[in-house]
Amino acid sequence: TPAQVLWVNLVTSSTLGLALAFEPAERGIMTRPP
């Protein structure tokens, strides 16, 4: 239902997506070409 879709967006946007902002640099990030 629309309310359930709103709930999914509210829960995942406020808890899940923000965690990727704190992701450490990947291994080998300074061996990639520019």
All heavy atoms as atom14 arrays in JSON, in Angstrom:
{
  "sequence": "TPAQVLWVNLVTSSTLGLALAFEPAERGIMTRPP",
  "atom14_mask": [
    [1, 1, 1, 1, 1, 1, 1, 0, 0, 0, 0, 0, 0, 0],
    [1, 1, 1, 1, 1, 1, 1, 0, 0, 0, 0, 0, 0, 0],
    [1, 1, 1, 1, 1, 0, 0, 0, 0, 0, 0, 0, 0, 0],
    [1, 1, 1, 1, 1, 1, 1, 1, 1, 0, 0, 0, 0, 0],
    [1, 1, 1, 1, 1, 1, 1, 0, 0, 0, 0, 0, 0, 0],
    [1, 1, 1, 1, 1, 1, 1, 1, 0, 0, 0, 0, 0, 0],
    [1, 1, 1, 1, 1, 1, 1, 1, 1, 1, 1, 1, 1, 1],
    [1, 1, 1, 1, 1, 1, 1, 0, 0, 0, 0, 0, 0, 0],
    [1, 1, 1, 1, 1, 1, 1, 1, 0, 0, 0, 0, 0, 0],
    [1, 1, 1, 1, 1, 1, 1, 1, 0, 0, 0, 0, 0, 0],
    [1, 1, 1, 1, 1, 1, 1, 0, 0, 0, 0, 0, 0, 0],
    [1, 1, 1, 1, 1, 1, 1, 0, 0, 0, 0, 0, 0, 0],
    [1, 1, 1, 1, 1, 1, 0, 0, 0, 0, 0, 0, 0, 0],
    [1, 1, 1, 1, 1, 1, 0, 0, 0, 0, 0, 0, 0, 0],
    [1, 1, 1, 1, 1, 1, 1, 0, 0, 0, 0, 0, 0, 0],
    [1, 1, 1, 1, 1, 1, 1, 1, 0, 0, 0, 0, 0, 0],
    [1, 1, 1, 1, 0, 0, 0, 0, 0, 0, 0, 0, 0, 0],
    [1, 1, 1, 1, 1, 1, 1, 1, 0, 0, 0, 0, 0, 0],
    [1, 1, 1, 1, 1, 0, 0, 0, 0, 0, 0, 0, 0, 0],
    [1, 1, 1, 1, 1, 1, 1, 1, 0, 0, 0, 0, 0, 0],
    [1, 1, 1, 1, 1, 0, 0, 0, 0, 0, 0, 0, 0, 0],
    [1, 1, 1, 1, 1, 1, 1, 1, 1, 1, 1, 0, 0, 0],
    [1, 1, 1, 1, 1, 1, 1, 1, 1, 0, 0, 0, 0, 0],
    [1, 1, 1, 1, 1, 1, 1, 0, 0, 0, 0, 0, 0, 0],
    [1, 1, 1, 1, 1, 0, 0, 0, 0, 0, 0, 0, 0, 0],
    [1, 1, 1, 1, 1, 1, 1, 1, 1, 0, 0, 0, 0, 0],
    [1, 1, 1, 1, 1, 1, 1, 1, 1, 1, 1, 0, 0, 0],
    [1, 1, 1, 1, 0, 0, 0, 0, 0, 0, 0, 0, 0, 0],
    [1, 1, 1, 1, 1, 1, 1, 1, 0, 0, 0, 0, 0, 0],
    [1, 1, 1, 1, 1, 1, 1, 1, 0, 0, 0, 0, 0, 0],
    [1, 1, 1, 1, 1, 1, 1, 0, 0, 0, 0, 0, 0, 0],
    [1, 1, 1, 1, 1, 1, 1, 1, 1, 1, 1, 0, 0, 0],
    [1, 1, 1, 1, 1, 1, 1, 0, 0, 0, 0, 0, 0, 0],
    [1, 1, 1, 1, 1, 1, 1, 0, 0, 0, 0, 0, 0, 0]
  ],
  "atom14_positions": [
    [[0.84, -1.19, 0.0], [0.0, 0.0, 0.0], [0.89, 1.24, 0.0], [2.09, 1.17, 0.32], [-0.91, 0.02, 1.23], [-0.09, 0.16, 2.4], [-1.74, -1.26, 1.33], [0.0, 0.0, 0.0], [0.0, 0.0, 0.0], [0.0, 0.0, 0.0], [0.0, 0.0, 0.0], [0.0, 0.0, 0.0], [0.0, 0.0, 0.0], [0.0, 0.0, 0.0]],
    [[0.33, 2.41, -0.36], [1.14, 3.64, -0.32], [1.78, 3.88, 1.05], [2.93, 4.33, 1.13], [0.14, 4.73, -0.68], [-0.87, 4.03, -1.54], [-0.99, 2.66, -0.96], [0.0, 0.0, 0.0], [0.0, 0.0, 0.0], [0.0, 0.0, 0.0], [0.0, 0.0, 0.0], [0.0, 0.0, 0.0], [0.0, 0.0, 0.0], [0.0, 0.0, 0.0]],
    [[1.04, 3.6, 2.12], [1.6, 3.8, 3.46], [2.77, 2.87, 3.71], [3.77, 3.26, 4.34], [0.52, 3.59, 4.52], [0.0, 0.0, 0.0], [0.0, 0.0, 0.0], [0.0, 0.0, 0.0], [0.0, 0.0, 0.0], [0.0, 0.0, 0.0], [0.0, 0.0, 0.0], [0.0, 0.0, 0.0], [0.0, 0.0, 0.0], [0.0, 0.0, 0.0]],
    [[2.67, 1.65, 3.21], [3.77, 0.7, 3.4], [5.0, 1.09, 2.58], [6.14, 0.94, 3.04], [3.29, -0.7, 3.03], [2.29, -1.28, 4.03], [1.66, -2.57, 3.53], [1.7, -2.88, 2.34], [1.03, -3.31, 4.45], [0.0, 0.0, 0.0], [0.0, 0.0, 0.0], [0.0, 0.0, 0.0], [0.0, 0.0, 0.0], [0.0, 0.0, 0.0]],
    [[4.79, 1.6, 1.37], [5.91, 2.09, 0.57], [6.59, 3.25, 1.29], [7.83, 3.35, 1.34], [5.43, 2.53, -0.82], [6.56, 3.21, -1.59], [4.92, 1.33, -1.61], [0.0, 0.0, 0.0], [0.0, 0.0, 0.0], [0.0, 0.0, 0.0], [0.0, 0.0, 0.0], [0.0, 0.0, 0.0], [0.0, 0.0, 0.0], [0.0, 0.0, 0.0]],
    [[5.79, 4.14, 1.88], [6.34, 5.27, 2.63], [7.15, 4.77, 3.82], [8.23, 5.3, 4.12], [5.21, 6.19, 3.1], [5.62, 7.43, 3.88], [6.48, 8.34, 3.02], [4.39, 8.19, 4.38], [0.0, 0.0, 0.0], [0.0, 0.0, 0.0], [0.0, 0.0, 0.0], [0.0, 0.0, 0.0], [0.0, 0.0, 0.0], [0.0, 0.0, 0.0]],
    [[6.67, 3.72, 4.48], [7.4, 3.16, 5.62], [8.76, 2.6, 5.18], [9.78, 2.84, 5.83], [6.57, 2.05, 6.26], [7.35, 1.18, 7.2], [7.88, -0.05, 6.95], [7.74, 1.51, 8.54], [8.56, -0.53, 8.05], [8.49, 0.41, 9.04], [7.53, 2.6, 9.36], [9.02, 0.39, 10.31], [8.05, 2.57, 10.65], [8.79, 1.5, 11.11]],
    [[8.78, 1.87, 4.06], [10.03, 1.3, 3.58], [11.04, 2.41, 3.3], [12.21, 2.33, 3.68], [9.78, 0.44, 2.33], [11.12, 0.02, 1.71], [8.96, -0.79, 2.67], [0.0, 0.0, 0.0], [0.0, 0.0, 0.0], [0.0, 0.0, 0.0], [0.0, 0.0, 0.0], [0.0, 0.0, 0.0], [0.0, 0.0, 0.0], [0.0, 0.0, 0.0]],
    [[10.59, 3.46, 2.61], [11.49, 4.57, 2.3], [11.98, 5.27, 3.56], [13.15, 5.65, 3.67], [10.79, 5.58, 1.39], [10.73, 5.12, -0.05], [11.64, 4.46, -0.54], [9.64, 5.41, -0.73], [0.0, 0.0, 0.0], [0.0, 0.0, 0.0], [0.0, 0.0, 0.0], [0.0, 0.0, 0.0], [0.0, 0.0, 0.0], [0.0, 0.0, 0.0]],
    [[11.08, 5.43, 4.53], [11.45, 6.1, 5.77], [12.5, 5.29, 6.53], [13.52, 5.83, 6.98], [10.21, 6.32, 6.64], [10.44, 7.0, 7.99], [10.91, 8.43, 7.79], [9.15, 6.98, 8.83], [0.0, 0.0, 0.0], [0.0, 0.0, 0.0], [0.0, 0.0, 0.0], [0.0, 0.0, 0.0], [0.0, 0.0, 0.0], [0.0, 0.0, 0.0]],
    [[12.3, 4.01, 6.63], [13.21, 3.16, 7.41], [14.56, 3.03, 6.72], [15.62, 3.22, 7.33], [12.58, 1.77, 7.63], [13.59, 0.8, 8.21], [11.39, 1.89, 8.56], [0.0, 0.0, 0.0], [0.0, 0.0, 0.0], [0.0, 0.0, 0.0], [0.0, 0.0, 0.0], [0.0, 0.0, 0.0], [0.0, 0.0, 0.0], [0.0, 0.0, 0.0]],
    [[14.55, 2.71, 5.43], [15.81, 2.45, 4.75], [16.62, 3.73, 4.53], [17.85, 3.72, 4.61], [15.56, 1.76, 3.4], [14.68, 2.58, 2.62], [14.91, 0.4, 3.62], [0.0, 0.0, 0.0], [0.0, 0.0, 0.0], [0.0, 0.0, 0.0], [0.0, 0.0, 0.0], [0.0, 0.0, 0.0], [0.0, 0.0, 0.0], [0.0, 0.0, 0.0]],
    [[15.94, 4.86, 4.25], [16.68, 6.1, 4.01], [17.31, 6.64, 5.28], [18.41, 7.19, 5.25], [15.74, 7.16, 3.42], [15.24, 6.75, 2.16], [0.0, 0.0, 0.0], [0.0, 0.0, 0.0], [0.0, 0.0, 0.0], [0.0, 0.0, 0.0], [0.0, 0.0, 0.0], [0.0, 0.0, 0.0], [0.0, 0.0, 0.0], [0.0, 0.0, 0.0]],
    [[16.64, 6.48, 6.41], [17.15, 7.05, 7.65], [18.16, 6.15, 8.35], [18.91, 6.62, 9.2], [15.99, 7.34, 8.61], [15.28, 6.14, 8.91], [0.0, 0.0, 0.0], [0.0, 0.0, 0.0], [0.0, 0.0, 0.0], [0.0, 0.0, 0.0], [0.0, 0.0, 0.0], [0.0, 0.0, 0.0], [0.0, 0.0, 0.0], [0.0, 0.0, 0.0]],
    [[18.19, 4.88, 8.0], [19.1, 3.97, 8.72], [20.16, 3.34, 7.82], [21.32, 3.24, 8.19], [18.31, 2.85, 9.41], [17.55, 2.12, 8.42], [17.35, 3.42, 10.44], [0.0, 0.0, 0.0], [0.0, 0.0, 0.0], [0.0, 0.0, 0.0], [0.0, 0.0, 0.0], [0.0, 0.0, 0.0], [0.0, 0.0, 0.0], [0.0, 0.0, 0.0]],
    [[19.77, 2.91, 6.62], [20.68, 2.11, 5.81], [21.62, 2.95, 4.95], [22.84, 2.82, 5.02], [19.89, 1.14, 4.92], [19.03, 0.09, 5.65], [18.33, -0.8, 4.65], [19.88, -0.74, 6.6], [0.0, 0.0, 0.0], [0.0, 0.0, 0.0], [0.0, 0.0, 0.0], [0.0, 0.0, 0.0], [0.0, 0.0, 0.0], [0.0, 0.0, 0.0]],
    [[21.05, 3.82, 4.1], [21.86, 4.53, 3.12], [22.96, 5.38, 3.71], [24.05, 5.5, 3.15], [0.0, 0.0, 0.0], [0.0, 0.0, 0.0], [0.0, 0.0, 0.0], [0.0, 0.0, 0.0], [0.0, 0.0, 0.0], [0.0, 0.0, 0.0], [0.0, 0.0, 0.0], [0.0, 0.0, 0.0], [0.0, 0.0, 0.0], [0.0, 0.0, 0.0]],
    [[22.7, 5.99, 4.88], [23.7, 6.89, 5.47], [24.96, 6.17, 5.88], [26.03, 6.79, 5.98], [23.09, 7.6, 6.69], [21.94, 8.57, 6.41], [21.41, 9.17, 7.71], [22.39, 9.69, 5.47], [0.0, 0.0, 0.0], [0.0, 0.0, 0.0], [0.0, 0.0, 0.0], [0.0, 0.0, 0.0], [0.0, 0.0, 0.0], [0.0, 0.0, 0.0]],
    [[24.89, 4.87, 6.11], [26.07, 4.13, 6.56], [27.18, 4.14, 5.52], [28.37, 4.07, 5.86], [25.69, 2.69, 6.9], [0.0, 0.0, 0.0], [0.0, 0.0, 0.0], [0.0, 0.0, 0.0], [0.0, 0.0, 0.0], [0.0, 0.0, 0.0], [0.0, 0.0, 0.0], [0.0, 0.0, 0.0], [0.0, 0.0, 0.0], [0.0, 0.0, 0.0]],
    [[26.83, 4.26, 4.24], [27.85, 4.23, 3.18], [28.72, 5.48, 3.19], [29.81, 5.48, 2.61], [27.19, 4.06, 1.82], [26.5, 2.71, 1.59], [25.77, 2.71, 0.26], [27.53, 1.58, 1.63], [0.0, 0.0, 0.0], [0.0, 0.0, 0.0], [0.0, 0.0, 0.0], [0.0, 0.0, 0.0], [0.0, 0.0, 0.0], [0.0, 0.0, 0.0]],
    [[28.25, 6.56, 3.83], [29.07, 7.77, 3.92], [30.31, 7.55, 4.77], [31.29, 8.28, 4.64], [28.24, 8.92, 4.48], [0.0, 0.0, 0.0], [0.0, 0.0, 0.0], [0.0, 0.0, 0.0], [0.0, 0.0, 0.0], [0.0, 0.0, 0.0], [0.0, 0.0, 0.0], [0.0, 0.0, 0.0], [0.0, 0.0, 0.0], [0.0, 0.0, 0.0]],
    [[30.29, 6.54, 5.63], [31.41, 6.26, 6.54], [32.27, 5.11, 6.04], [33.1, 4.59, 6.78], [30.88, 5.94, 7.94], [30.04, 7.03, 8.53], [28.64, 6.96, 8.44], [30.62, 8.12, 9.15], [27.86, 7.97, 8.97], [29.84, 9.13, 9.68], [28.46, 9.06, 9.59], [0.0, 0.0, 0.0], [0.0, 0.0, 0.0], [0.0, 0.0, 0.0]],
    [[32.08, 4.71, 4.79], [32.83, 3.58, 4.25], [34.31, 3.93, 4.13], [34.68, 4.96, 3.55], [32.27, 3.21, 2.88], [32.8, 1.94, 2.31], [32.37, 0.72, 3.11], [31.28, 0.75, 3.72], [33.16, -0.24, 3.14], [0.0, 0.0, 0.0], [0.0, 0.0, 0.0], [0.0, 0.0, 0.0], [0.0, 0.0, 0.0], [0.0, 0.0, 0.0]],
    [[35.21, 3.11, 4.7], [36.65, 3.39, 4.55], [37.11, 3.17, 3.12], [36.43, 2.52, 2.33], [37.3, 2.38, 5.52], [36.31, 1.27, 5.63], [34.95, 1.9, 5.49], [0.0, 0.0, 0.0], [0.0, 0.0, 0.0], [0.0, 0.0, 0.0], [0.0, 0.0, 0.0], [0.0, 0.0, 0.0], [0.0, 0.0, 0.0], [0.0, 0.0, 0.0]],
    [[38.28, 3.72, 2.79], [38.82, 3.57, 1.44], [39.07, 2.1, 1.14], [39.54, 1.34, 1.99], [40.13, 4.36, 1.31], [0.0, 0.0, 0.0], [0.0, 0.0, 0.0], [0.0, 0.0, 0.0], [0.0, 0.0, 0.0], [0.0, 0.0, 0.0], [0.0, 0.0, 0.0], [0.0, 0.0, 0.0], [0.0, 0.0, 0.0], [0.0, 0.0, 0.0]],
    [[38.75, 1.7, -0.08], [38.95, 0.32, -0.48], [40.44, 0.01, -0.66], [41.24, 0.89, -0.95], [38.22, 0.04, -1.8], [36.71, 0.03, -1.66], [36.02, -0.49, -2.91], [36.68, -1.24, -3.67], [34.86, -0.16, -3.14], [0.0, 0.0, 0.0], [0.0, 0.0, 0.0], [0.0, 0.0, 0.0], [0.0, 0.0, 0.0], [0.0, 0.0, 0.0]],
    [[40.77, -1.25, -0.49], [42.13, -1.7, -0.72], [42.52, -1.46, -2.17], [41.75, -1.73, -3.1], [42.22, -3.2, -0.39], [43.61, -3.79, -0.5], [43.53, -5.28, -0.27], [42.86, -5.6, 0.98], [42.43, -6.82, 1.29], [42.56, -7.81, 0.43], [41.82, -7.04, 2.44], [0.0, 0.0, 0.0], [0.0, 0.0, 0.0], [0.0, 0.0, 0.0]],
    [[43.72, -0.91, -2.39], [44.18, -0.67, -3.74], [43.64, 0.59, -4.38], [43.78, 0.79, -5.58], [0.0, 0.0, 0.0], [0.0, 0.0, 0.0], [0.0, 0.0, 0.0], [0.0, 0.0, 0.0], [0.0, 0.0, 0.0], [0.0, 0.0, 0.0], [0.0, 0.0, 0.0], [0.0, 0.0, 0.0], [0.0, 0.0, 0.0], [0.0, 0.0, 0.0]],
    [[43.03, 1.47, -3.57], [42.43, 2.68, -4.15], [43.49, 3.6, -4.76], [43.22, 4.35, -5.7], [41.61, 3.44, -3.08], [40.68, 4.47, -3.75], [42.5, 4.11, -2.05], [39.68, 5.09, -2.8], [0.0, 0.0, 0.0], [0.0, 0.0, 0.0], [0.0, 0.0, 0.0], [0.0, 0.0, 0.0], [0.0, 0.0, 0.0], [0.0, 0.0, 0.0]],
    [[44.74, 3.52, -4.24], [45.82, 4.37, -4.76], [46.66, 3.66, -5.82], [47.76, 4.11, -6.14], [46.7, 4.86, -3.62], [46.04, 5.9, -2.74], [45.59, 7.42, -3.62], [47.2, 8.23, -3.71], [0.0, 0.0, 0.0], [0.0, 0.0, 0.0], [0.0, 0.0, 0.0], [0.0, 0.0, 0.0], [0.0, 0.0, 0.0], [0.0, 0.0, 0.0]],
    [[46.16, 2.56, -6.34], [46.82, 1.92, -7.48], [45.97, 2.03, -8.74], [46.35, 1.51, -9.79], [47.12, 0.44, -7.2], [45.89, -0.25, -6.93], [48.05, 0.3, -6.01], [0.0, 0.0, 0.0], [0.0, 0.0, 0.0], [0.0, 0.0, 0.0], [0.0, 0.0, 0.0], [0.0, 0.0, 0.0], [0.0, 0.0, 0.0], [0.0, 0.0, 0.0]],
    [[44.83, 2.68, -8.63], [43.98, 2.87, -9.8], [44.5, 4.02, -10.65], [45.08, 4.97, -10.12], [42.54, 3.2, -9.38], [41.87, 2.19, -8.5], [40.5, 2.71, -8.1], [39.86, 1.89, -7.09], [38.75, 2.23, -6.46], [38.16, 3.38, -6.75], [38.23, 1.45, -5.54], [0.0, 0.0, 0.0], [0.0, 0.0, 0.0], [0.0, 0.0, 0.0]],
    [[44.28, 3.97, -11.94], [44.62, 5.14, -12.76], [43.66, 6.28, -12.48], [42.53, 6.05, -12.01], [44.46, 4.61, -14.2], [43.49, 3.48, -14.08], [43.75, 2.85, -12.74], [0.0, 0.0, 0.0], [0.0, 0.0, 0.0], [0.0, 0.0, 0.0], [0.0, 0.0, 0.0], [0.0, 0.0, 0.0], [0.0, 0.0, 0.0], [0.0, 0.0, 0.0]],
    [[44.06, 7.52, -12.71], [43.16, 8.65, -12.47], [41.9, 8.54, -13.33], [41.92, 8.01, -14.44], [44.0, 9.86, -12.87], [45.41, 9.41, -12.77], [45.4, 7.96, -13.13], [0.0, 0.0, 0.0], [0.0, 0.0, 0.0], [0.0, 0.0, 0.0], [0.0, 0.0, 0.0], [0.0, 0.0, 0.0], [0.0, 0.0, 0.0], [0.0, 0.0, 0.0]]
  ]
}
